């Protein structure tokens, strides 16, 4: 079959796996509720800009489109994530075909990716993570297409992909550098020595430039964010944990990507694509040195799954149908059975029981329920972060609407963290609430200049509010508390503060000024 016809045939075949991935997501995406981070990213859609404290602007643009076109439901928020997940599967199949793989190779690579715990967990939430993975895979596919065809159009598309990828998540910069170094080390380096590579780099730079300008105009908040992230989270990530988690996050699909990695390094047939293995090593070592979270590396695995599918197809020839079937079962079925650990396919209580049983039975799975506080909990942190938000918004609404109309006119809402603030912003129309004030995360960029209303509805997840707030207000009383079982915000309390002193506003303004200079 001619190469062009063969590629067309494989494209149709790959769509089977794309459909499977999308169907799985559709079964899960409406369960449990919004994730803490999703609420923040949706808020960004109402404050479009070229940058934010913690992320570049691409996710905000998607949020704006999603809210405008699809609405504000949990299902609507996750449509773009599901589409991106489908594209990742499609491109993985395409990369497998570009490497020389046929139907078995494509099937193994795509199924291993679909049921990998890492990609099941990260492929349905409205977060930059899944879109970051998508641009990594797009970049690899364009590099491979350029190597196979020498057509410079792929270099220009590569510039677009890298530019938009950097507007999605800054890790795109490091992955692109790793790929380029990998190619320069390989025998294919000559393909990069032409003027079109420079033009491609200029395209990427021009696309990314508005965010660079925004960063400098706002005192480089990305640097402060990374310092804060390192102090509060990354310093708890030990190199040994990072290595161990990379071996565990894909479950039994480990044997597929690891075989692919080894084949890229040593197989004669894959020698032209050795740059992918080199790039993986470089980005792995970089994240290891930076104490990166395990999911920062996820975008590098689809290319290794593609190579692994090709390698197993060569090892298990067409006559070895029994062995091919056994390989499929061995590398995919265990991950399928563990899917509820990372994809909310089951009701909440059933999910909690399932997680308890599996983590008790297999102690190596306990890292799944180990949160950023390094303690083990009944649910994964992602699941717990999807609970309790609307309950909180409803109780804030009850407090607000218990006030008289005149009192409401002189009332402000204040939330201690971006999850609480994101929920109050998201549900403000449903519960007829005023806009929330918050100094956490990007909320500080558009926070009110003063916190000086006569009544303040204060939502806080700390235990020492009495000591901190009581000297600064005439009176206060607790009006509600998040009681949703297993919610990460379980116990967060709602207070009504009356007649705050000018000192409270002075403290607020000083903190606001300090954060805007960071």
Protein backbone atom coordinates (compact mmCIF):
# COMPACT_ATOMS: atom_id res chain seq x y z
CA UNK A 1 0.00 0.00 0.00
CA UNK A 2 1.40 3.46 -0.88
CA UNK A 3 2.63 5.45 2.12
CA UNK A 4 -0.05 8.15 1.75
CA UNK A 5 -2.88 5.60 1.54
CA UNK A 6 -1.44 3.61 4.44
CA UNK A 7 -1.35 6.74 6.62
CA UNK A 8 -4.95 7.53 5.69
CA UNK A 9 -6.00 3.99 6.59
CA UNK A 10 -4.24 4.19 9.95
CA UNK A 11 -5.82 7.58 10.68
CA UNK A 12 -9.25 6.01 10.37
CA UNK A 13 -8.16 3.10 12.57
CA UNK A 14 -6.80 5.45 15.25
CA UNK A 15 -10.19 7.15 15.51
CA UNK A 16 -11.50 3.98 17.21
CA UNK A 17 -9.21 4.65 20.16
CA UNK A 18 -9.99 8.36 20.15
CA UNK A 19 -13.67 7.48 20.48
CA UNK A 20 -12.92 5.08 23.35
CA UNK A 21 -11.03 7.77 25.24
CA UNK A 22 -13.79 10.33 24.77
CA UNK A 23 -16.50 7.88 25.86
CA UNK A 24 -14.58 7.06 29.07
CA UNK A 25 -14.27 10.75 29.85
CA UNK A 26 -17.94 11.36 29.17
CA UNK A 27 -18.86 8.72 31.75
CA UNK A 28 -16.74 10.46 34.38
CA UNK A 29 -16.64 14.20 33.80
CA UNK A 30 -19.90 15.13 35.53
CA UNK A 31 -19.13 13.26 38.75
CA UNK A 32 -18.14 14.81 42.09
CA UNK A 33 -18.10 18.50 41.04
CA UNK A 34 -15.62 21.20 40.11
CA UNK A 35 -11.99 20.81 41.06
CA UNK A 36 -10.37 23.61 43.08
CA UNK A 37 -8.05 24.51 40.18
CA UNK A 38 -10.87 24.42 37.64
CA UNK A 39 -12.71 27.09 39.59
CA UNK A 40 -9.65 29.34 39.40
CA UNK A 41 -9.16 28.75 35.67
CA UNK A 42 -12.81 29.54 34.96
CA UNK A 43 -12.47 32.82 36.85
CA UNK A 44 -9.55 33.76 34.59
CA UNK A 45 -11.97 33.66 31.67
CA UNK A 46 -13.74 36.66 33.19
CA UNK A 47 -10.44 38.57 33.51
CA UNK A 48 -8.72 38.03 30.16
CA UNK A 49 -5.13 39.23 30.11
CA UNK A 50 -1.73 38.18 28.70
CA UNK A 51 -0.68 36.56 31.96
CA UNK A 52 -1.54 35.58 35.52
CA UNK A 53 0.28 34.85 38.73
CA UNK A 54 0.49 31.09 38.22
CA UNK A 55 -0.27 30.31 34.56
CA UNK A 56 0.12 31.79 31.07
CA UNK A 57 -3.07 33.01 29.34
CA UNK A 58 -4.11 30.08 27.12
CA UNK A 59 -6.32 28.44 29.77
CA UNK A 60 -8.13 31.76 30.36
CA UNK A 61 -9.03 32.05 26.68
CA UNK A 62 -10.39 28.50 26.69
CA UNK A 63 -12.38 29.32 29.84
CA UNK A 64 -13.94 32.35 28.16
CA UNK A 65 -14.93 30.32 25.10
CA UNK A 66 -16.21 27.45 27.24
CA UNK A 67 -18.37 29.67 29.47
CA UNK A 68 -19.74 31.57 26.47
CA UNK A 69 -20.44 28.61 24.20
CA UNK A 70 -21.10 25.66 26.52
CA UNK A 71 -22.29 27.21 29.78
CA UNK A 72 -21.09 26.96 33.37
CA UNK A 73 -21.81 23.33 34.29
CA UNK A 74 -19.15 20.83 35.33
CA UNK A 75 -19.77 18.92 32.09
CA UNK A 76 -19.35 22.07 30.00
CA UNK A 77 -16.12 23.04 31.72
CA UNK A 78 -14.50 19.72 30.82
CA UNK A 79 -15.43 19.56 27.13
CA UNK A 80 -12.17 21.12 25.93
CA UNK A 81 -10.15 18.82 28.20
CA UNK A 82 -11.88 15.79 26.74
CA UNK A 83 -11.24 17.02 23.20
CA UNK A 84 -7.56 17.57 24.05
CA UNK A 85 -7.35 14.05 25.48
CA UNK A 86 -8.77 12.67 22.26
CA UNK A 87 -6.19 14.56 20.21
CA UNK A 88 -3.39 13.17 22.38
CA UNK A 89 -4.54 9.64 21.57
CA UNK A 90 -4.83 10.46 17.87
CA UNK A 91 -1.35 11.96 17.73
CA UNK A 92 0.15 9.04 19.66
CA UNK A 93 -1.29 6.71 17.04
CA UNK A 94 0.08 8.95 14.29
CA UNK A 95 3.55 8.98 15.83
CA UNK A 96 3.44 5.19 16.07
CA UNK A 97 2.62 5.00 12.36
CA UNK A 98 5.41 7.47 11.53
CA UNK A 99 7.87 5.23 13.36
CA UNK A 100 6.78 2.36 11.11
CA UNK A 101 4.22 0.75 13.37
CA UNK A 102 1.14 -1.01 12.03
CA UNK A 103 -2.21 -1.87 13.59
CA UNK A 104 -0.94 -3.91 16.53
CA UNK A 105 1.64 -1.25 17.41
CA UNK A 106 -0.99 1.48 17.21
CA UNK A 107 -3.45 -0.55 19.28
CA UNK A 108 -0.93 -1.26 22.03
CA UNK A 109 0.37 2.31 22.19
CA UNK A 110 -3.09 3.90 22.24
CA UNK A 111 -4.68 1.46 24.69
CA UNK A 112 -1.69 1.67 27.03
CA UNK A 113 -2.08 5.45 27.02
CA UNK A 114 -5.87 5.42 27.44
CA UNK A 115 -5.76 3.18 30.52
CA UNK A 116 -2.58 4.57 32.02
CA UNK A 117 -3.47 5.95 35.48
CA UNK A 118 -1.39 9.07 34.79
CA UNK A 119 -3.33 10.01 31.67
CA UNK A 120 -6.72 8.89 32.95
CA UNK A 121 -6.27 11.17 35.97
CA UNK A 122 -4.97 14.21 34.10
CA UNK A 123 -7.08 14.00 30.95
CA UNK A 124 -10.53 15.17 32.04
CA UNK A 125 -10.06 18.14 34.38
CA UNK A 126 -10.07 21.70 33.03
CA UNK A 127 -6.44 22.43 33.85
CA UNK A 128 -3.38 23.47 31.83
CA UNK A 129 -1.91 19.99 32.41
CA UNK A 130 -3.81 18.20 29.64
CA UNK A 131 -3.25 21.04 27.17
CA UNK A 132 0.44 21.09 28.06
CA UNK A 133 0.59 17.38 27.28
CA UNK A 134 -1.16 18.03 23.99
CA UNK A 135 1.40 20.61 22.84
CA UNK A 136 4.28 18.33 23.83
CA UNK A 137 2.81 15.54 21.71
CA UNK A 138 2.06 17.93 18.82
CA UNK A 139 5.68 19.09 18.94
CA UNK A 140 7.02 15.53 18.80
CA UNK A 141 4.69 14.62 15.92
CA UNK A 142 5.79 17.69 13.93
CA UNK A 143 9.47 16.89 14.54
CA UNK A 144 8.91 13.31 13.39
CA UNK A 145 6.97 14.41 10.32
CA UNK A 146 9.73 16.85 9.45
CA UNK A 147 12.37 14.13 9.80
CA UNK A 148 10.34 11.74 7.63
CA UNK A 149 9.45 14.23 4.90
CA UNK A 150 12.03 17.09 5.12
CA UNK A 151 9.06 19.39 4.38
CA UNK A 152 9.75 22.79 5.94
CA UNK A 153 6.04 23.47 6.47
CA UNK A 154 6.26 21.27 9.57
CA UNK A 155 8.95 23.57 10.96
CA UNK A 156 6.63 26.54 10.66
CA UNK A 157 3.79 24.66 12.33
CA UNK A 158 6.31 23.65 14.96
CA UNK A 159 6.95 27.32 15.72
CA UNK A 160 3.22 27.86 16.20
CA UNK A 161 2.89 24.80 18.45
CA UNK A 162 5.84 25.77 20.63
CA UNK A 163 4.62 29.38 20.90
CA UNK A 164 1.10 28.38 21.92
CA UNK A 165 2.54 25.66 24.16
CA UNK A 166 4.54 28.29 26.06
CA UNK A 167 1.34 30.30 26.45
CA UNK A 168 -0.16 27.17 28.01
CA UNK A 169 2.51 26.14 30.50
CA UNK A 170 6.11 27.25 30.91
CA UNK A 171 7.43 23.67 30.99
CA UNK A 172 7.04 23.73 27.20
CA UNK A 173 10.26 25.77 27.03
CA UNK A 174 12.31 23.06 28.74
CA UNK A 175 10.81 20.22 26.70
CA UNK A 176 11.48 22.03 23.42
CA UNK A 177 15.09 22.70 24.41
CA UNK A 178 15.44 19.01 25.33
CA UNK A 179 14.12 17.95 21.92
CA UNK A 180 16.46 20.32 20.10
CA UNK A 181 19.47 19.12 22.08
CA UNK A 182 18.39 15.53 21.41
CA UNK A 183 18.33 16.16 17.67
CA UNK A 184 21.66 18.02 17.75
CA UNK A 185 23.25 15.03 19.46
CA UNK A 186 21.73 12.60 16.95
CA UNK A 187 22.73 12.02 13.31
CA UNK A 188 19.71 14.00 12.14
CA UNK A 189 21.22 17.30 13.29
CA UNK A 190 21.75 18.46 9.69
CA UNK A 191 17.99 18.94 9.29
CA UNK A 192 18.13 21.79 11.82
CA UNK A 193 20.84 23.73 10.00
CA UNK A 194 18.71 25.91 7.75
CA UNK A 195 17.06 29.32 7.77
CA UNK A 196 13.57 27.87 8.27
CA UNK A 197 14.51 26.76 11.79
CA UNK A 198 15.35 30.36 12.63
CA UNK A 199 12.07 31.59 11.16
CA UNK A 200 10.21 28.93 13.16
CA UNK A 201 11.92 30.11 16.35
CA UNK A 202 10.93 33.69 15.53
CA UNK A 203 7.28 32.62 15.14
CA UNK A 204 7.36 30.93 18.55
CA UNK A 205 9.00 33.98 20.11
CA UNK A 206 6.46 36.40 18.63
CA UNK A 207 3.55 34.29 19.87
CA UNK A 208 5.04 34.10 23.37
CA UNK A 209 6.25 37.73 23.48
CA UNK A 210 3.03 39.30 24.92
CA UNK A 211 3.32 37.09 27.99
CA UNK A 212 6.99 38.02 28.41
CA UNK A 213 6.04 41.71 28.29
CA UNK A 214 3.24 41.11 30.80
CA UNK A 215 5.63 39.31 33.14
CA UNK A 216 8.09 42.21 33.18
CA UNK A 217 5.27 44.74 33.58
CA UNK A 218 4.08 42.84 36.67
CA UNK A 219 7.53 42.31 38.27
CA UNK A 220 7.99 38.72 36.97
CA UNK A 221 5.36 36.98 39.14
CA UNK A 222 6.34 33.61 37.62
CA UNK A 223 9.59 33.74 39.60
CA UNK A 224 7.79 34.49 42.86
CA UNK A 225 5.24 31.77 42.09
CA UNK A 226 8.00 29.20 41.56
CA UNK A 227 9.69 30.24 44.83
CA UNK A 228 6.38 29.94 46.67
CA UNK A 229 5.66 26.60 45.00
CA UNK A 230 9.07 25.30 45.97
CA UNK A 231 8.67 26.47 49.58
CA UNK A 232 5.16 25.05 50.06
CA UNK A 233 5.17 21.96 47.83
CA UNK A 234 8.26 21.13 45.77
CA UNK A 235 10.67 20.99 48.69
CA UNK A 236 8.61 18.02 49.93
CA UNK A 237 9.24 16.17 46.66
CA UNK A 238 12.34 14.03 47.16
CA UNK A 239 14.31 12.81 44.14
CA UNK A 240 13.75 9.18 45.13
CA UNK A 241 9.99 9.79 45.26
CA UNK A 242 10.03 11.41 41.82
CA UNK A 243 11.89 8.43 40.33
CA UNK A 244 9.63 5.91 42.05
CA UNK A 245 6.49 7.71 40.92
CA UNK A 246 7.64 7.82 37.30
CA UNK A 247 7.86 4.02 37.47
CA UNK A 248 4.39 3.73 39.03
CA UNK A 249 2.18 6.42 37.48
CA UNK A 250 1.59 4.50 34.25
CA UNK A 251 0.85 1.23 36.04
CA UNK A 252 1.54 -1.89 34.00
CA UNK A 253 1.92 0.29 30.90
CA UNK A 254 5.39 0.91 32.35
CA UNK A 255 6.58 -2.08 30.32
CA UNK A 256 5.33 -0.49 27.10
CA UNK A 257 7.01 2.91 27.50
CA UNK A 258 10.18 1.46 29.05
CA UNK A 259 10.55 -0.93 26.12
CA UNK A 260 10.00 2.02 23.81
CA UNK A 261 12.66 4.06 25.60
CA UNK A 262 15.23 1.24 25.37
CA UNK A 263 14.37 0.64 21.71
CA UNK A 264 14.85 4.30 20.85
CA UNK A 265 18.32 4.15 22.37
CA UNK A 266 19.50 0.88 20.87
CA UNK A 267 17.27 -0.25 17.98
CA UNK A 268 18.77 0.15 14.51
CA UNK A 269 15.32 0.64 12.99
CA UNK A 270 14.56 3.56 15.34
CA UNK A 271 17.99 5.19 15.20
CA UNK A 272 16.62 8.25 13.34
CA UNK A 273 14.28 8.91 16.27
CA UNK A 274 16.84 8.49 19.05
CA UNK A 275 16.41 12.16 19.87
CA UNK A 276 13.14 11.32 21.66
CA UNK A 277 14.92 9.09 24.20
CA UNK A 278 17.64 11.72 24.68
CA UNK A 279 15.00 14.41 25.19
CA UNK A 280 13.25 12.24 27.77
CA UNK A 281 16.49 11.79 29.71
CA UNK A 282 17.23 15.52 29.64
CA UNK A 283 13.79 16.67 30.77
CA UNK A 284 13.73 13.89 33.40
CA UNK A 285 17.06 15.03 34.86
CA UNK A 286 15.97 18.67 34.78
CA UNK A 287 12.75 17.98 36.69
CA UNK A 288 14.60 15.71 39.09
CA UNK A 289 17.00 18.54 39.87
CA UNK A 290 14.13 21.05 40.21
CA UNK A 291 12.08 18.78 42.53
CA UNK A 292 9.32 18.80 39.92
CA UNK A 293 5.96 17.16 40.54
CA UNK A 294 5.48 13.79 38.87
CA UNK A 295 2.88 15.07 36.39
CA UNK A 296 5.27 17.65 34.93
CA UNK A 297 6.81 14.82 32.89
CA UNK A 298 3.60 13.19 31.64
CA UNK A 299 3.71 14.88 28.23
CA UNK A 300 6.92 13.00 27.36
CA UNK A 301 5.37 9.54 27.65
CA UNK A 302 3.14 9.34 24.54
CA UNK A 303 6.21 9.29 22.26
CA UNK A 304 7.66 6.46 24.37
CA UNK A 305 4.36 4.55 24.19
CA UNK A 306 4.49 4.94 20.40
CA UNK A 307 8.02 3.52 20.29
CA UNK A 308 7.00 0.74 22.69
CA UNK A 309 4.10 -0.26 20.45
CA UNK A 310 6.46 -0.42 17.46
CA UNK A 311 9.03 -2.45 19.44
CA UNK A 312 6.53 -5.05 20.62
CA UNK A 313 5.13 -5.37 17.12
CA UNK A 314 8.64 -6.22 15.89
CA UNK A 315 9.29 -8.61 18.80
CA UNK A 316 5.94 -10.39 18.47
CA UNK A 317 5.60 -11.08 14.76
CA UNK A 318 2.28 -11.55 13.02
CA UNK A 319 2.26 -15.29 13.63
CA UNK A 320 2.47 -14.82 17.37
CA UNK A 321 -1.19 -13.84 17.82
CA UNK A 322 -1.44 -15.59 21.18
CA UNK A 323 1.56 -13.67 22.50
CA UNK A 324 0.21 -10.41 21.12
CA UNK A 325 -3.10 -10.99 22.89
CA UNK A 326 -1.27 -11.89 26.09
CA UNK A 327 0.76 -8.69 25.87
CA UNK A 328 -2.41 -6.63 25.48
CA UNK A 329 -4.00 -8.30 28.52
CA UNK A 330 -0.85 -8.08 30.66
CA UNK A 331 -0.09 -4.43 29.98
CA UNK A 332 -3.65 -3.06 29.89
CA UNK A 333 -6.11 -5.15 31.97
CA UNK A 334 -4.58 -4.36 35.42
CA UNK A 335 -4.78 -0.64 34.65
CA UNK A 336 -8.38 -1.04 33.50
CA UNK A 337 -9.27 -2.69 36.81
CA UNK A 338 -7.68 0.17 38.77
CA UNK A 339 -9.28 2.92 36.70
CA UNK A 340 -11.71 4.13 39.46
CA UNK A 341 -8.66 5.16 41.51
CA UNK A 342 -7.98 8.00 39.10
CA UNK A 343 -11.13 8.50 37.00
CA UNK A 344 -14.43 9.15 38.86
CA UNK A 345 -16.50 6.45 37.20
CA UNK A 346 -18.19 5.29 40.44
CA UNK A 347 -20.32 7.06 43.09
CA UNK A 348 -18.37 8.81 45.83
CA UNK A 349 -18.84 6.28 48.65
CA UNK A 350 -18.14 3.36 46.32
CA UNK A 351 -15.01 5.14 45.13
CA UNK A 352 -13.82 5.67 48.72
CA UNK A 353 -14.35 1.99 49.54
CA UNK A 354 -12.56 0.95 46.36
CA UNK A 355 -9.58 3.20 47.14
CA UNK A 356 -9.37 1.88 50.71
CA UNK A 357 -9.42 -1.74 49.56
CA UNK A 358 -6.85 -1.27 46.82
CA UNK A 359 -4.39 0.79 48.87
CA UNK A 360 -4.62 -1.68 51.77
CA UNK A 361 -4.06 -4.58 49.39
CA UNK A 362 -1.24 -2.97 47.42
CA UNK A 363 0.91 -0.77 49.64
CA UNK A 364 2.81 0.69 46.67
CA UNK A 365 -0.42 2.49 45.69
CA UNK A 366 -0.45 4.57 48.86
CA UNK A 367 1.27 7.43 47.06
CA UNK A 368 -2.04 7.98 45.24
CA UNK A 369 -3.74 9.02 48.49
CA UNK A 370 -0.72 10.93 49.81
CA UNK A 371 -1.52 14.64 49.55
CA UNK A 372 0.75 17.67 49.45
CA UNK A 373 0.84 17.59 53.26
CA UNK A 374 2.57 14.19 52.89
CA UNK A 375 -0.25 12.51 54.87
CA UNK A 376 -2.53 9.72 53.66
CA UNK A 377 -6.25 10.38 53.27
CA UNK A 378 -9.41 8.41 52.31
CA UNK A 379 -9.53 9.94 48.81
CA UNK A 380 -6.99 11.14 46.31
CA UNK A 381 -6.29 14.84 46.63
CA UNK A 382 -7.89 15.52 43.25
CA UNK A 383 -11.13 13.79 44.30
CA UNK A 384 -11.21 15.60 47.65
CA UNK A 385 -10.66 18.89 45.83
CA UNK A 386 -13.94 18.36 43.94
CA UNK A 387 -16.16 18.31 47.01
CA UNK A 388 -17.92 20.91 49.16
CA UNK A 389 -17.73 24.00 46.95
CA UNK A 390 -21.42 24.52 46.25
CA UNK A 391 -22.31 23.73 49.87
CA UNK A 392 -19.99 26.56 50.91
CA UNK A 393 -21.46 28.97 48.34
CA UNK A 394 -24.99 28.13 49.47
CA UNK A 395 -24.13 28.77 53.13
CA UNK A 396 -22.45 32.07 52.26
CA UNK A 397 -25.63 32.95 50.36
CA UNK A 398 -27.75 32.11 53.40
CA UNK A 399 -25.61 34.46 55.50
CA UNK A 400 -25.76 37.22 52.92
CA UNK A 401 -29.50 37.01 52.32
CA UNK A 402 -30.22 36.96 56.06
CA UNK A 403 -29.07 40.59 56.05
CA UNK A 404 -31.46 43.39 55.19
CA UNK A 405 -31.23 44.96 51.72
CA UNK A 406 -29.58 48.03 53.26
CA UNK A 407 -27.03 45.88 55.06
CA UNK A 408 -26.32 43.93 51.87
CA UNK A 409 -25.37 47.17 50.11
CA UNK A 410 -22.59 47.59 52.66
CA UNK A 411 -21.32 44.00 52.65
CA UNK A 412 -18.19 42.42 51.17
CA UNK A 413 -17.27 38.76 50.73
CA UNK A 414 -13.73 37.70 51.58
CA UNK A 415 -12.27 34.24 50.91
CA UNK A 416 -8.96 33.02 52.24
CA UNK A 417 -7.86 30.87 49.26
CA UNK A 418 -8.43 30.72 45.52
CA UNK A 419 -10.59 27.59 45.69
CA UNK A 420 -13.09 29.23 48.01
CA UNK A 421 -12.97 32.48 46.04
CA UNK A 422 -13.34 30.61 42.74
CA UNK A 423 -16.44 28.82 44.01
CA UNK A 424 -18.04 32.04 45.24
CA UNK A 425 -17.29 33.71 41.91
CA UNK A 426 -18.65 30.77 39.92
CA UNK A 427 -21.89 30.44 41.89
CA UNK A 428 -22.45 34.18 42.35
CA UNK A 429 -25.26 34.35 39.75
CA UNK A 430 -27.02 31.24 40.99
CA UNK A 431 -27.05 32.50 44.59
CA UNK A 432 -27.20 36.25 43.86
CA UNK A 433 -23.94 37.12 45.60
CA UNK A 434 -21.65 40.14 45.23
CA UNK A 435 -18.14 39.68 43.83
CA UNK A 436 -15.67 38.07 46.20
CA UNK A 437 -12.42 39.61 47.44
CA UNK A 438 -9.33 37.41 47.77
CA UNK A 439 -5.58 38.01 47.93
CA UNK A 440 -4.56 34.46 47.09
CA UNK A 441 -3.21 33.52 43.66
CA UNK A 442 -4.33 35.61 40.65
CA UNK A 443 -7.31 37.02 42.56
CA UNK A 444 -4.96 39.68 43.90
CA UNK A 445 -4.67 41.13 40.37
CA UNK A 446 -8.27 42.39 40.44
CA UNK A 447 -8.92 42.53 44.19
CA UNK A 448 -10.82 45.52 45.61
CA UNK A 449 -8.61 48.37 46.78
CA UNK A 450 -10.22 48.37 50.21
CA UNK A 451 -11.81 45.93 52.63
CA UNK A 452 -13.87 48.47 54.52
CA UNK A 453 -17.54 47.48 54.33
CA UNK A 454 -19.60 47.51 57.51
CA UNK A 455 -20.29 43.77 57.15
CA UNK A 456 -17.77 41.23 55.88
CA UNK A 457 -18.67 37.61 55.21
CA UNK A 458 -15.35 35.91 55.85
CA UNK A 459 -14.59 32.36 54.66
CA UNK A 460 -11.44 30.84 56.17
CA UNK A 461 -9.90 27.38 56.45
CA UNK A 462 -7.60 28.26 59.37
CA UNK A 463 -8.24 27.51 63.03
CA UNK A 464 -6.98 30.72 64.59
CA UNK A 465 -9.48 33.26 63.25
CA UNK A 466 -10.57 34.24 66.76
CA UNK A 467 -7.05 35.33 67.67
CA UNK A 468 -6.41 37.04 64.32
CA UNK A 469 -9.74 38.74 63.64
CA UNK A 470 -11.45 39.42 66.96
CA UNK A 471 -9.24 42.42 67.87
CA UNK A 472 -10.01 44.01 64.50
CA UNK A 473 -13.83 43.92 64.51
CA UNK A 474 -16.64 45.02 66.80
CA UNK A 475 -18.18 41.55 66.70
CA UNK A 476 -18.12 38.30 64.77
CA UNK A 477 -20.05 35.07 64.70
CA UNK A 478 -19.79 31.81 62.83
CA UNK A 479 -22.71 31.27 60.45
CA UNK A 480 -21.74 28.06 58.67
CA UNK A 481 -19.20 25.34 58.05
CA UNK A 482 -18.38 22.93 55.20
CA UNK A 483 -19.59 19.54 56.36
CA UNK A 484 -19.28 17.52 53.12
CA UNK A 485 -17.52 14.28 54.13
CA UNK A 486 -14.01 13.75 52.70
CA UNK A 487 -13.87 17.25 51.16
CA UNK A 488 -10.43 18.79 51.39
CA UNK A 489 -12.12 21.95 52.70
CA UNK A 490 -14.08 19.99 55.33
CA UNK A 491 -14.33 22.20 58.43
CA UNK A 492 -13.80 25.48 56.61
CA UNK A 493 -15.93 28.05 58.43
CA UNK A 494 -18.02 31.06 57.43
CA UNK A 495 -18.11 34.12 59.66
CA UNK A 496 -20.05 37.37 59.67
CA UNK A 497 -17.82 40.25 60.80
CA UNK A 498 -19.48 43.47 61.91
CA UNK A 499 -17.97 46.97 61.99
CA UNK A 500 -14.31 46.17 61.22
CA UNK A 501 -11.82 48.72 62.53
CA UNK A 502 -9.75 50.86 60.13
CA UNK A 503 -6.74 48.76 61.16
CA UNK A 504 -8.20 45.73 59.36
CA UNK A 505 -8.38 47.71 56.13
CA UNK A 506 -4.84 48.99 56.69
CA UNK A 507 -3.58 45.42 57.05
CA UNK A 508 -5.49 44.39 53.93
CA UNK A 509 -4.14 47.29 51.84
CA UNK A 510 -0.57 46.67 52.96
CA UNK A 511 -0.83 42.98 52.05
CA UNK A 512 -2.43 43.83 48.70
CA UNK A 513 0.34 46.32 47.87
CA UNK A 514 3.00 43.82 48.87
CA UNK A 515 1.52 41.04 46.72
CA UNK A 516 1.19 43.28 43.68
CA UNK A 517 4.90 44.05 43.93
CA UNK A 518 5.87 40.39 44.11
